[in-house]
Amino acid sequence: MVAKSLSGFDCVIVPGGPGSRKLLAGATFLKWIGTAKGSKSVASVRTGALLLGAAGFLKGRRATTHHNAHELLKKYCSTIVKDARIVDEGDVTTAGGVSASTDLGLYLCKSMRARKLPRKFENKWSTFHS
């Protein structure tokens, strides 16, 4: 079962892992992920890039994913970036393997702050990490 549209979120992060291959065949799930097109930022880590690709987010863009999934990613993006932990294509960001998830989180926080997302988020983040 999938929830309501993701279009109202500031940032949607799609994780990957072994279960992502099964989700590639789920039209309902991919349609739901596609509702994130109205979000300010969409990101993936590991093989979540395959799901973003199948949902149409990576068409004509550069992307990265877990090194074991580079061949699978070819049909969804214009260029696979194999030597980067993070690939930023504006409103879509992809990160490599699981160890890149921390880098992605920090990168997205920095990016969101630069875009001046609501102070409510910034204040919660600052309070939590003080």
C-alpha atoms as a PDB file:
ATOM      1  CA  MET A   1       0.000   0.000   0.000  1.00  0.00           C
ATOM      2  CA  VAL A   2       1.296   3.451  -0.818  1.00  0.00           C
ATOM      3  CA  ALA A   3       0.481   6.719   0.881  1.00  0.00           C
ATOM      4  CA  LYS A   4      -0.605  10.100  -0.411  1.00  0.00           C
ATOM      5  CA  SER A   5       1.286  12.150  -2.957  1.00  0.00           C
ATOM      6  CA  LEU A   6       4.889  13.061  -2.208  1.00  0.00           C
ATOM      7  CA  SER A   7       4.642  16.379  -4.060  1.00  0.00           C
ATOM      8  CA  GLY A   8       4.273  18.495  -0.931  1.00  0.00           C
ATOM      9  CA  PHE A   9       7.535  17.415   0.640  1.00  0.00           C
ATOM     10  CA  ASP A  10      10.664  19.555   0.571  1.00  0.00           C
ATOM     11  CA  CYS A  11      12.894  16.509   0.130  1.00  0.00           C
ATOM     12  CA  VAL A  12      12.143  12.894  -0.755  1.00  0.00           C
ATOM     13  CA  ILE A  13      14.932  10.340  -0.239  1.00  0.00           C
ATOM     14  CA  VAL A  14      14.622   6.910  -1.842  1.00  0.00           C
ATOM     15  CA  PRO A  15      16.854   4.290  -0.220  1.00  0.00           C
ATOM     16  CA  GLY A  16      18.062   1.210  -2.025  1.00  0.00           C
ATOM     17  CA  GLY A  17      19.024  -2.293  -1.083  1.00  0.00           C
ATOM     18  CA  PRO A  18      18.129  -5.835  -2.093  1.00  0.00           C
ATOM     19  CA  GLY A  19      14.388  -5.110  -2.090  1.00  0.00           C
ATOM     20  CA  SER A  20      14.694  -2.385  -4.710  1.00  0.00           C
ATOM     21  CA  ARG A  21      14.871  -4.929  -7.571  1.00  0.00           C
ATOM     22  CA  LYS A  22      11.406  -6.281  -6.692  1.00  0.00           C
ATOM     23  CA  LEU A  23      10.000  -2.763  -6.461  1.00  0.00           C
ATOM     24  CA  LEU A  24      11.157  -2.054 -10.035  1.00  0.00           C
ATOM     25  CA  ALA A  25       8.312  -4.296 -11.194  1.00  0.00           C
ATOM     26  CA  GLY A  26       5.734  -2.522  -9.022  1.00  0.00           C
ATOM     27  CA  ALA A  27       3.823  -0.094 -11.249  1.00  0.00           C
ATOM     28  CA  THR A  28       1.804   1.247  -8.307  1.00  0.00           C
ATOM     29  CA  PHE A  29       4.945   1.893  -6.267  1.00  0.00           C
ATOM     30  CA  LEU A  30       6.760   3.588  -9.160  1.00  0.00           C
ATOM     31  CA  LYS A  31       3.721   5.760  -9.873  1.00  0.00           C
ATOM     32  CA  TRP A  32       3.745   6.816  -6.207  1.00  0.00           C
ATOM     33  CA  ILE A  33       7.475   7.636  -6.329  1.00  0.00           C
ATOM     34  CA  GLY A  34       6.693   9.663  -9.457  1.00  0.00           C
ATOM     35  CA  THR A  35       4.437  11.936  -7.379  1.00  0.00           C
ATOM     36  CA  ALA A  36       7.635  13.363  -5.857  1.00  0.00           C
ATOM     37  CA  LYS A  37       8.153  15.366  -9.084  1.00  0.00           C
ATOM     38  CA  GLY A  38       6.532  18.298  -7.309  1.00  0.00           C
ATOM     39  CA  SER A  39       9.074  18.179  -4.483  1.00  0.00           C
ATOM     40  CA  LYS A  40      11.929  20.668  -4.205  1.00  0.00           C
ATOM     41  CA  SER A  41      14.526  17.920  -3.973  1.00  0.00           C
ATOM     42  CA  VAL A  42      14.560  14.185  -4.716  1.00  0.00           C
ATOM     43  CA  ALA A  43      17.495  11.999  -3.741  1.00  0.00           C
ATOM     44  CA  SER A  44      18.535   8.379  -3.639  1.00  0.00           C
ATOM     45  CA  VAL A  45      21.207   6.319  -2.012  1.00  0.00           C
ATOM     46  CA  ARG A  46      22.513   3.010  -3.211  1.00  0.00           C
ATOM     47  CA  THR A  47      20.113   1.275  -5.632  1.00  0.00           C
ATOM     48  CA  GLY A  48      17.358   3.756  -4.880  1.00  0.00           C
ATOM     49  CA  ALA A  49      18.671   5.375  -8.079  1.00  0.00           C
ATOM     50  CA  LEU A  50      17.162   2.462 -10.023  1.00  0.00           C
ATOM     51  CA  LEU A  51      13.753   3.327  -8.573  1.00  0.00           C
ATOM     52  CA  LEU A  52      14.192   7.020  -9.391  1.00  0.00           C
ATOM     53  CA  GLY A  53      15.211   6.012 -12.898  1.00  0.00           C
ATOM     54  CA  ALA A  54      12.234   3.712 -13.386  1.00  0.00           C
ATOM     55  CA  ALA A  55       9.975   6.539 -12.178  1.00  0.00           C
ATOM     56  CA  GLY A  56      11.449   8.884 -14.809  1.00  0.00           C
ATOM     57  CA  PHE A  57      13.581  11.182 -12.658  1.00  0.00           C
ATOM     58  CA  LEU A  58      16.926  10.370 -14.272  1.00  0.00           C
ATOM     59  CA  LYS A  59      16.086  10.737 -17.964  1.00  0.00           C
ATOM     60  CA  GLY A  60      18.764  12.870 -19.613  1.00  0.00           C
ATOM     61  CA  ARG A  61      20.695  13.217 -16.339  1.00  0.00           C
ATOM     62  CA  ARG A  62      23.931  11.968 -14.828  1.00  0.00           C
ATOM     63  CA  ALA A  63      23.592   9.605 -11.865  1.00  0.00           C
ATOM     64  CA  THR A  64      25.413   7.169  -9.629  1.00  0.00           C
ATOM     65  CA  THR A  65      24.432   4.103  -7.632  1.00  0.00           C
ATOM     66  CA  HIS A  66      26.004   1.119  -5.884  1.00  0.00           C
ATOM     67  CA  HIS A  67      28.867  -0.166  -8.046  1.00  0.00           C
ATOM     68  CA  ASN A  68      27.170  -3.554  -8.528  1.00  0.00           C
ATOM     69  CA  ALA A  69      24.162  -1.829 -10.142  1.00  0.00           C
ATOM     70  CA  HIS A  70      25.910   0.413 -12.696  1.00  0.00           C
ATOM     71  CA  GLU A  71      24.846  -1.829 -15.596  1.00  0.00           C
ATOM     72  CA  LEU A  72      21.206  -1.789 -14.443  1.00  0.00           C
ATOM     73  CA  LEU A  73      21.258   2.008 -14.187  1.00  0.00           C
ATOM     74  CA  LYS A  74      22.379   2.485 -17.830  1.00  0.00           C
ATOM     75  CA  LYS A  75      18.847   2.372 -19.259  1.00  0.00           C
ATOM     76  CA  TYR A  76      17.566   5.123 -16.955  1.00  0.00           C
ATOM     77  CA  CYS A  77      20.126   7.940 -17.220  1.00  0.00           C
ATOM     78  CA  SER A  78      22.325   9.611 -19.805  1.00  0.00           C
ATOM     79  CA  THR A  79      25.621   9.110 -17.947  1.00  0.00           C
ATOM     80  CA  ILE A  80      26.684   6.864 -15.084  1.00  0.00           C
ATOM     81  CA  VAL A  81      29.220   8.600 -12.872  1.00  0.00           C
ATOM     82  CA  LYS A  82      31.315   5.797 -11.425  1.00  0.00           C
ATOM     83  CA  ASP A  83      33.932   7.804  -9.571  1.00  0.00           C
ATOM     84  CA  ALA A  84      31.681  10.073  -7.464  1.00  0.00           C
ATOM     85  CA  ARG A  85      29.976   9.386  -4.173  1.00  0.00           C
ATOM     86  CA  ILE A  86      27.332  12.044  -4.892  1.00  0.00           C
ATOM     87  CA  VAL A  87      25.982  13.367  -8.187  1.00  0.00           C
ATOM     88  CA  ASP A  88      23.915  16.558  -7.970  1.00  0.00           C
ATOM     89  CA  GLU A  89      21.696  17.330 -10.951  1.00  0.00           C
ATOM     90  CA  GLY A  90      19.818  20.243  -9.401  1.00  0.00           C
ATOM     91  CA  ASP A  91      16.535  18.894  -8.086  1.00  0.00           C
ATOM     92  CA  VAL A  92      17.731  15.253  -8.234  1.00  0.00           C
ATOM     93  CA  THR A  93      20.740  13.942  -6.300  1.00  0.00           C
ATOM     94  CA  THR A  94      22.038  10.372  -6.312  1.00  0.00           C
ATOM     95  CA  ALA A  95      24.593   8.751  -4.009  1.00  0.00           C
ATOM     96  CA  GLY A  96      26.638   5.591  -4.405  1.00  0.00           C
ATOM     97  CA  GLY A  97      26.901   2.716  -1.948  1.00  0.00           C
ATOM     98  CA  VAL A  98      25.616   2.556   1.590  1.00  0.00           C
ATOM     99  CA  SER A  99      28.692   4.317   3.000  1.00  0.00           C
ATOM    100  CA  ALA A 100      27.749   7.365   0.890  1.00  0.00           C
ATOM    101  CA  SER A 101      24.474   7.761   2.814  1.00  0.00           C
ATOM    102  CA  THR A 102      26.103   9.891   5.509  1.00  0.00           C
ATOM    103  CA  ASP A 103      27.727  12.064   2.858  1.00  0.00           C
ATOM    104  CA  LEU A 104      24.353  12.428   1.138  1.00  0.00           C
ATOM    105  CA  GLY A 105      22.594  13.422   4.353  1.00  0.00           C
ATOM    106  CA  LEU A 106      25.148  16.117   5.129  1.00  0.00           C
ATOM    107  CA  TYR A 107      25.167  17.304   1.525  1.00  0.00           C
ATOM    108  CA  LEU A 108      21.370  17.620   1.433  1.00  0.00           C
ATOM    109  CA  CYS A 109      21.291  19.521   4.735  1.00  0.00           C
ATOM    110  CA  LYS A 110      23.859  21.967   3.403  1.00  0.00           C
ATOM    111  CA  SER A 111      21.930  22.325   0.130  1.00  0.00           C
ATOM    112  CA  MET A 112      18.611  22.866   1.913  1.00  0.00           C
ATOM    113  CA  ARG A 113      20.127  25.504   4.126  1.00  0.00           C
ATOM    114  CA  ALA A 114      21.545  27.278   1.088  1.00  0.00           C
ATOM    115  CA  ARG A 115      18.092  27.252  -0.516  1.00  0.00           C
ATOM    116  CA  LYS A 116      16.651  28.693   2.689  1.00  0.00           C
ATOM    117  CA  LEU A 117      14.002  26.110   3.369  1.00  0.00           C
ATOM    118  CA  PRO A 118      11.625  26.999   6.167  1.00  0.00           C
ATOM    119  CA  ARG A 119      13.307  28.170   9.365  1.00  0.00           C
ATOM    120  CA  LYS A 120      11.196  25.615  11.222  1.00  0.00           C
ATOM    121  CA  PHE A 121      13.360  22.822   9.760  1.00  0.00           C
ATOM    122  CA  GLU A 122      16.582  24.700  10.398  1.00  0.00           C
ATOM    123  CA  ASN A 123      15.631  25.419  14.003  1.00  0.00           C
ATOM    124  CA  LYS A 124      14.734  21.765  14.667  1.00  0.00           C
ATOM    125  CA  TRP A 125      17.995  20.605  13.058  1.00  0.00           C
ATOM    126  CA  SER A 126      20.076  23.106  15.057  1.00  0.00           C
ATOM    127  CA  THR A 127      18.343  22.199  18.310  1.00  0.00           C
ATOM    128  CA  PHE A 128      18.821  18.492  17.730  1.00  0.00           C
ATOM    129  CA  HIS A 129      22.542  18.809  16.945  1.00  0.00           C
ATOM    130  CA  SER A 130      23.547  21.429  19.514  1.00  0.00           C
END
